[in-house]
Amino acid sequence: MPLPLALQRARLPIIGAPLFIVSNPKLVIAQCTAGVIGSMPALNARPASQLDEWLAEITEGLAAWNRAHPDRPAAPYAINQIVHKTNDRLEHDMEVCARYKVPVVITSLGARVDINEAVHGWGGVVLHDVINNAYAHKAVEKGADGLILVAAGAGGHAGVKSPFALLQEVREWFDGPVALSGAIGNGGAVLAALAAGADFAYIGSAFIATNEARASDAYKQCIVDSTSDDIVYSSLFTGVHGNYLKPSIRNAGMDPDNLPESDPSKMNFGGGEGAKKAWKDIWGCGQGISAVKAVVPTHDFVARLEREMRAADARVQARLHAGMPA
């Protein structure tokens, strides 16, 4: 199945994952003008009225870039909607997205037919994130155009399936757009995702360590200084399992190696102060961060990914032509 036209406008096969609190218009514009699909959660705009201002800023910023660079147009942007009962802003935020005809909507924590139909009504594309094959079936049955496979090693809320295992299972029945997430921090990993059958690599944690990201300097430096050994998988903070940086948990006065179980009755995904505090003080992060060596501008990071993709492709081709296993 060919990609929807909106997704074809990305110069590189990469989607910058929406980062709660961290993503903002500055980062989204930088991602899109670098050639990858940029995104942010609607809930990052606070108060709710700010979402209108932010979408105007993104729209105007990308239009200005396109006028100045007609030979290198910006990739489309995406807005993430949390489709969970705790999100009391969903209706308002969807109305704002409709006014701006947001090209791509990423839905999380719940698949709903009415949300998908609303996005299709203004010509947008819906990508739904899932952690297993069963959820993938449900999302497509309810009208999602594509899937984001949030596999083991991904930052924030993540599943436990190997990226390759989950992608293989989904590709047995689904030929629509698929983005793969799970410890992707360099161009070689992007190429591996494509070779395995994904249309896009879904990268989040590495974008936190960019100049444009709205994260504290301490958070960014922690990513630079950390490796996969510094990531812990826990459901304590939101009620759903996710990956977090151990140093931030220690700074909050807890032992990351001996965390208690969560209380499912206290789940909070609606972006209220409880959820915001969890992500502000306990830093979400994936296992692929050993590839991050410095805090850099977004354009520089994307350029590095592109160089690494081409170098990895050249290595594979050289081995194949030499008769060696790739």
Protein backbone atom coordinates (compact mmCIF):
# COMPACT_ATOMS: atom_id res chain seq x y z
CA MET A 1 0.00 0.00 0.00
CA PRO A 2 1.46 3.40 -0.94
CA LEU A 3 2.02 5.90 1.83
CA PRO A 4 -0.58 8.66 2.25
CA LEU A 5 0.52 11.85 0.50
CA ALA A 6 1.10 13.68 3.78
CA LEU A 7 3.63 11.07 4.88
CA GLN A 8 5.36 11.08 1.50
CA ARG A 9 6.35 14.70 2.11
CA ALA A 10 8.97 13.66 4.67
CA ARG A 11 12.43 13.82 3.08
CA LEU A 12 13.81 11.25 5.53
CA PRO A 13 11.96 8.17 6.88
CA ILE A 14 11.93 9.44 10.45
CA ILE A 15 9.25 10.68 12.84
CA GLY A 16 10.26 12.68 15.89
CA ALA A 17 8.17 11.22 18.69
CA PRO A 18 5.95 13.57 20.72
CA LEU A 19 7.68 14.24 24.04
CA PHE A 20 5.47 15.19 26.99
CA ILE A 21 6.50 18.62 28.34
CA VAL A 22 9.65 18.62 26.14
CA SER A 23 8.24 19.07 22.60
CA ASN A 24 7.27 22.61 21.59
CA PRO A 25 6.82 24.59 18.36
CA LYS A 26 10.51 25.43 18.19
CA LEU A 27 11.48 21.75 18.19
CA VAL A 28 8.68 20.75 15.81
CA ILE A 29 9.65 23.43 13.28
CA ALA A 30 13.31 22.43 13.51
CA GLN A 31 12.45 18.75 12.95
CA CYS A 32 10.20 19.44 9.97
CA THR A 33 12.61 21.85 8.29
CA ALA A 34 15.37 19.28 8.76
CA GLY A 35 13.28 16.85 6.73
CA VAL A 36 11.67 14.60 9.35
CA ILE A 37 8.10 14.59 10.64
CA GLY A 38 8.06 16.62 13.85
CA SER A 39 5.44 16.20 16.53
CA MET A 40 4.27 17.35 19.93
CA PRO A 41 1.52 16.40 22.39
CA ALA A 42 -1.47 18.75 22.34
CA LEU A 43 -1.32 18.69 26.13
CA ASN A 44 2.06 20.44 26.11
CA ALA A 45 0.24 23.68 25.34
CA ARG A 46 -0.86 25.17 28.66
CA PRO A 47 -3.37 26.67 29.12
CA ALA A 48 -5.51 24.96 26.49
CA SER A 49 -5.90 28.25 24.62
CA GLN A 50 -2.16 28.18 23.89
CA LEU A 51 -2.64 25.29 21.47
CA ASP A 52 -4.17 27.66 18.93
CA GLU A 53 -1.16 29.97 19.26
CA TRP A 54 1.28 27.10 18.90
CA LEU A 55 -0.37 25.65 15.81
CA ALA A 56 -0.36 29.11 14.25
CA GLU A 57 3.36 29.41 15.05
CA ILE A 58 4.11 26.02 13.49
CA THR A 59 1.98 26.73 10.41
CA GLU A 60 3.57 30.12 9.83
CA GLY A 61 7.08 28.87 10.55
CA LEU A 62 6.84 26.01 8.06
CA ALA A 63 5.25 28.25 5.42
CA ALA A 64 8.09 30.75 5.79
CA TRP A 65 10.65 27.97 5.42
CA ASN A 66 8.95 26.68 2.27
CA ARG A 67 8.94 30.13 0.71
CA ALA A 68 12.64 30.49 1.40
CA HIS A 69 13.55 26.91 0.43
CA PRO A 70 11.26 25.84 -2.43
CA ASP A 71 13.74 23.12 -3.39
CA ARG A 72 13.80 21.66 0.13
CA PRO A 73 10.25 21.89 1.56
CA ALA A 74 9.53 21.06 5.17
CA ALA A 75 8.12 17.72 6.22
CA PRO A 76 4.58 17.68 7.69
CA TYR A 77 3.99 17.92 11.42
CA ALA A 78 1.94 15.76 13.76
CA ILE A 79 -0.03 16.42 16.92
CA ASN A 80 -0.37 13.73 19.57
CA GLN A 81 -3.75 13.27 21.24
CA ILE A 82 -4.10 11.23 24.44
CA VAL A 83 -7.37 9.33 23.95
CA HIS A 84 -7.82 8.37 27.59
CA LYS A 85 -10.72 9.17 29.89
CA THR A 86 -8.49 11.34 32.08
CA ASN A 87 -7.92 13.77 29.20
CA ASP A 88 -10.70 16.31 29.66
CA ARG A 89 -9.19 18.51 26.93
CA LEU A 90 -9.57 16.07 24.06
CA GLU A 91 -12.69 17.61 22.52
CA HIS A 92 -11.27 21.13 22.72
CA ASP A 93 -7.90 20.12 21.32
CA MET A 94 -9.47 18.20 18.45
CA GLU A 95 -11.51 21.29 17.50
CA VAL A 96 -8.31 23.35 17.35
CA CYS A 97 -6.59 20.69 15.24
CA ALA A 98 -9.57 20.70 12.88
CA ARG A 99 -9.25 24.48 12.35
CA TYR A 100 -5.63 24.06 11.30
CA LYS A 101 -6.23 20.81 9.40
CA VAL A 102 -3.31 19.17 11.18
CA PRO A 103 -1.81 16.80 8.59
CA VAL A 104 -0.99 13.93 10.96
CA VAL A 105 -2.57 13.02 14.29
CA ILE A 106 -0.89 10.48 16.57
CA THR A 107 -3.35 8.85 18.97
CA SER A 108 -2.28 7.16 22.19
CA LEU A 109 -3.82 5.24 25.08
CA GLY A 110 -7.10 4.49 23.35
CA ALA A 111 -8.40 4.05 19.80
CA ARG A 112 -11.71 5.69 18.93
CA VAL A 113 -13.70 5.59 15.72
CA ASP A 114 -15.05 9.13 16.16
CA ILE A 115 -11.55 10.60 16.57
CA ASN A 116 -10.31 8.83 13.44
CA GLU A 117 -13.34 9.94 11.44
CA ALA A 118 -12.87 13.53 12.58
CA VAL A 119 -9.27 13.57 11.37
CA HIS A 120 -10.24 11.98 8.07
CA GLY A 121 -12.92 14.62 7.73
CA TRP A 122 -10.32 17.37 7.33
CA GLY A 123 -8.01 15.19 5.23
CA GLY A 124 -5.58 14.20 7.95
CA VAL A 125 -3.80 10.92 8.62
CA VAL A 126 -4.10 8.98 11.89
CA LEU A 127 -1.22 6.97 13.32
CA HIS A 128 -1.98 5.01 16.48
CA ASP A 129 0.72 3.78 18.84
CA VAL A 130 0.54 0.20 20.11
CA ILE A 131 2.68 -2.15 22.18
CA ASN A 132 1.47 -5.50 20.82
CA ASN A 133 -0.22 -7.16 17.88
CA ALA A 134 -3.64 -7.37 19.56
CA TYR A 135 -3.78 -3.61 20.07
CA ALA A 136 -2.60 -3.14 16.50
CA HIS A 137 -5.58 -5.10 15.19
CA LYS A 138 -7.98 -3.03 17.31
CA ALA A 139 -6.50 0.26 16.11
CA VAL A 140 -6.83 -0.65 12.44
CA GLU A 141 -10.35 -2.03 12.97
CA LYS A 142 -11.33 1.35 14.44
CA GLY A 143 -10.01 3.25 11.44
CA ALA A 144 -6.37 4.17 12.10
CA ASP A 145 -4.43 4.69 8.86
CA GLY A 146 -1.14 3.53 10.27
CA LEU A 147 0.59 2.15 13.35
CA ILE A 148 3.45 3.19 15.59
CA LEU A 149 4.99 0.12 17.19
CA VAL A 150 6.28 1.13 20.61
CA ALA A 151 8.58 -1.79 21.34
CA ALA A 152 11.07 -2.72 24.04
CA GLY A 153 13.66 -0.06 24.72
CA ALA A 154 11.52 2.90 23.69
CA GLY A 155 11.40 5.96 25.92
CA GLY A 156 8.40 6.76 28.09
CA HIS A 157 5.48 4.35 27.91
CA ALA A 158 6.84 1.31 26.09
CA GLY A 159 6.11 -2.35 25.54
CA VAL A 160 8.24 -5.42 26.11
CA LYS A 161 8.24 -6.96 22.62
CA SER A 162 11.41 -6.95 20.55
CA PRO A 163 11.09 -4.34 17.78
CA PHE A 164 11.83 -7.00 15.18
CA ALA A 165 9.35 -9.52 16.62
CA LEU A 166 6.53 -7.00 16.86
CA LEU A 167 7.17 -5.61 13.39
CA GLN A 168 7.23 -9.09 11.88
CA GLU A 169 3.89 -10.00 13.47
CA VAL A 170 2.20 -6.82 12.32
CA ARG A 171 3.56 -7.04 8.78
CA GLU A 172 2.01 -10.51 8.40
CA TRP A 173 -1.40 -8.86 8.02
CA PHE A 174 -0.98 -5.07 7.74
CA ASP A 175 0.51 -3.35 4.68
CA GLY A 176 -0.24 0.24 5.72
CA PRO A 177 2.14 2.83 7.18
CA VAL A 178 4.22 1.59 10.11
CA ALA A 179 6.71 3.45 12.28
CA LEU A 180 9.01 1.47 14.56
CA SER A 181 10.16 2.64 17.97
CA GLY A 182 12.60 1.06 20.37
CA ALA A 183 16.16 2.22 21.14
CA ILE A 184 16.69 3.96 17.79
CA GLY A 185 19.40 6.57 18.27
CA ASN A 186 21.57 6.46 15.16
CA GLY A 187 21.30 6.13 11.40
CA GLY A 188 22.23 2.46 11.39
CA ALA A 189 19.23 1.70 13.58
CA VAL A 190 17.01 3.74 11.25
CA LEU A 191 18.22 1.66 8.30
CA ALA A 192 17.64 -1.54 10.28
CA ALA A 193 14.04 -0.50 10.95
CA LEU A 194 13.47 0.06 7.23
CA ALA A 195 15.15 -3.22 6.29
CA ALA A 196 12.89 -5.07 8.73
CA GLY A 197 9.78 -3.66 7.07
CA ALA A 198 8.98 -0.34 8.73
CA ASP A 199 8.25 2.80 6.74
CA PHE A 200 9.61 5.12 9.41
CA ALA A 201 11.88 5.06 12.42
CA TYR A 202 10.28 6.69 15.47
CA ILE A 203 12.87 8.59 17.51
CA GLY A 204 12.19 10.38 20.76
CA SER A 205 14.89 10.33 23.43
CA ALA A 206 17.73 11.53 21.22
CA PHE A 207 15.73 14.65 20.31
CA ILE A 208 15.57 15.62 23.99
CA ALA A 209 19.29 16.36 23.80
CA THR A 210 18.87 19.07 21.17
CA ASN A 211 19.06 22.82 21.58
CA GLU A 212 15.42 23.35 20.63
CA ALA A 213 13.92 20.82 23.07
CA ARG A 214 12.15 22.28 26.10
CA ALA A 215 14.04 20.19 28.64
CA SER A 216 16.27 21.29 31.48
CA ASP A 217 20.01 21.39 30.93
CA ALA A 218 20.35 18.70 33.60
CA TYR A 219 17.95 16.40 31.73
CA LYS A 220 19.80 16.88 28.45
CA GLN A 221 23.20 16.31 30.05
CA CYS A 222 21.93 13.20 31.82
CA ILE A 223 21.03 11.73 28.43
CA VAL A 224 24.50 12.56 27.10
CA ASP A 225 26.14 10.95 30.14
CA SER A 226 23.94 7.83 30.31
CA THR A 227 23.70 4.45 28.58
CA SER A 228 21.10 1.69 28.49
CA ASP A 229 22.35 0.57 31.92
CA ASP A 230 20.91 3.79 33.32
CA ILE A 231 17.33 3.03 32.20
CA VAL A 232 14.70 1.44 34.45
CA TYR A 233 11.34 0.02 33.35
CA SER A 234 8.57 0.78 35.84
CA SER A 235 4.82 1.34 36.10
CA LEU A 236 5.10 3.31 39.35
CA PHE A 237 4.86 6.84 37.99
CA THR A 238 1.78 6.76 35.75
CA GLY A 239 0.29 3.29 36.22
CA VAL A 240 1.61 2.04 32.87
CA HIS A 241 5.10 0.64 32.35
CA GLY A 242 7.63 2.98 30.85
CA ASN A 243 11.38 3.61 30.65
CA TYR A 244 13.00 6.27 32.82
CA LEU A 245 16.45 7.58 33.68
CA LYS A 246 17.72 6.15 36.96
CA PRO A 247 19.53 9.35 38.05
CA SER A 248 16.25 11.28 38.01
CA ILE A 249 14.63 8.64 40.21
CA ARG A 250 17.52 8.83 42.67
CA ASN A 251 17.24 12.63 42.68
CA ALA A 252 13.58 12.21 43.67
CA GLY A 253 14.67 10.22 46.73
CA MET A 254 13.88 6.71 45.47
CA ASP A 255 15.94 3.62 44.74
CA PRO A 256 15.52 2.87 41.01
CA ASP A 257 16.47 -0.76 41.58
CA ASN A 258 13.81 -1.31 44.24
CA LEU A 259 10.69 0.53 43.13
CA PRO A 260 7.26 -0.46 44.49
CA GLU A 261 4.40 -1.56 42.27
CA SER A 262 2.02 1.06 40.92
CA ASP A 263 -1.55 1.64 42.00
CA PRO A 264 -3.60 1.17 38.79
CA SER A 265 -6.51 3.13 40.29
CA LYS A 266 -4.36 6.26 40.24
CA MET A 267 -3.51 6.24 36.54
CA ASN A 268 -3.18 9.74 35.11
CA PHE A 269 -2.60 10.46 31.43
CA GLY A 270 -4.66 13.60 31.08
CA GLY A 271 -1.80 15.99 31.51
CA GLY A 272 -2.84 17.33 34.91
CA GLU A 273 -0.35 18.44 37.52
CA GLY A 274 0.14 14.89 38.80
CA ALA A 275 1.12 13.59 35.39
CA LYS A 276 3.15 16.70 34.61
CA LYS A 277 5.13 16.37 37.84
CA ALA A 278 5.89 12.71 37.09
CA TRP A 279 7.43 13.57 33.71
CA LYS A 280 9.08 16.78 34.90
CA ASP A 281 10.86 15.21 37.86
CA ILE A 282 11.16 11.62 36.63
CA TRP A 283 12.74 11.77 33.20
CA GLY A 284 11.44 9.45 30.51
CA CYS A 285 14.11 8.03 28.25
CA GLY A 286 14.79 5.04 26.00
CA GLN A 287 17.67 2.59 25.79
CA GLY A 288 19.23 3.97 22.60
CA ILE A 289 20.87 6.98 24.21
CA SER A 290 24.44 5.71 24.17
CA ALA A 291 24.54 7.12 20.62
CA VAL A 292 23.97 10.63 22.03
CA LYS A 293 27.34 12.24 22.74
CA ALA A 294 26.46 15.95 22.96
CA VAL A 295 23.61 18.43 22.99
CA VAL A 296 23.35 19.76 19.43
CA PRO A 297 20.98 21.70 17.16
CA THR A 298 18.20 19.56 15.70
CA HIS A 299 19.39 20.15 12.14
CA ASP A 300 22.84 18.85 13.07
CA PHE A 301 21.41 15.73 14.68
CA VAL A 302 19.22 14.94 11.67
CA ALA A 303 22.16 15.54 9.32
CA ARG A 304 24.17 13.06 11.38
CA LEU A 305 21.39 10.49 11.12
CA GLU A 306 21.36 10.89 7.35
CA ARG A 307 25.13 10.43 7.10
CA GLU A 308 24.98 7.35 9.30
CA MET A 309 22.12 5.87 7.25
CA ARG A 310 24.11 6.27 4.04
CA ALA A 311 27.26 4.83 5.63
CA ALA A 312 25.32 1.84 7.01
CA ASP A 313 23.73 1.24 3.62
CA ALA A 314 27.15 1.33 1.96
CA ARG A 315 28.48 -1.25 4.45
CA VAL A 316 25.57 -3.60 3.78
CA GLN A 317 25.92 -3.25 0.01
CA ALA A 318 29.67 -3.87 0.23
CA ARG A 319 29.14 -7.08 2.19
CA LEU A 320 26.46 -8.29 -0.18
CA HIS A 321 28.62 -7.64 -3.23
CA ALA A 322 31.54 -9.37 -1.53
CA GLY A 323 29.42 -12.47 -1.03
CA MET A 324 29.40 -12.04 2.75
CA PRO A 325 26.27 -12.27 4.90
CA ALA A 326 24.78 -8.85 5.53
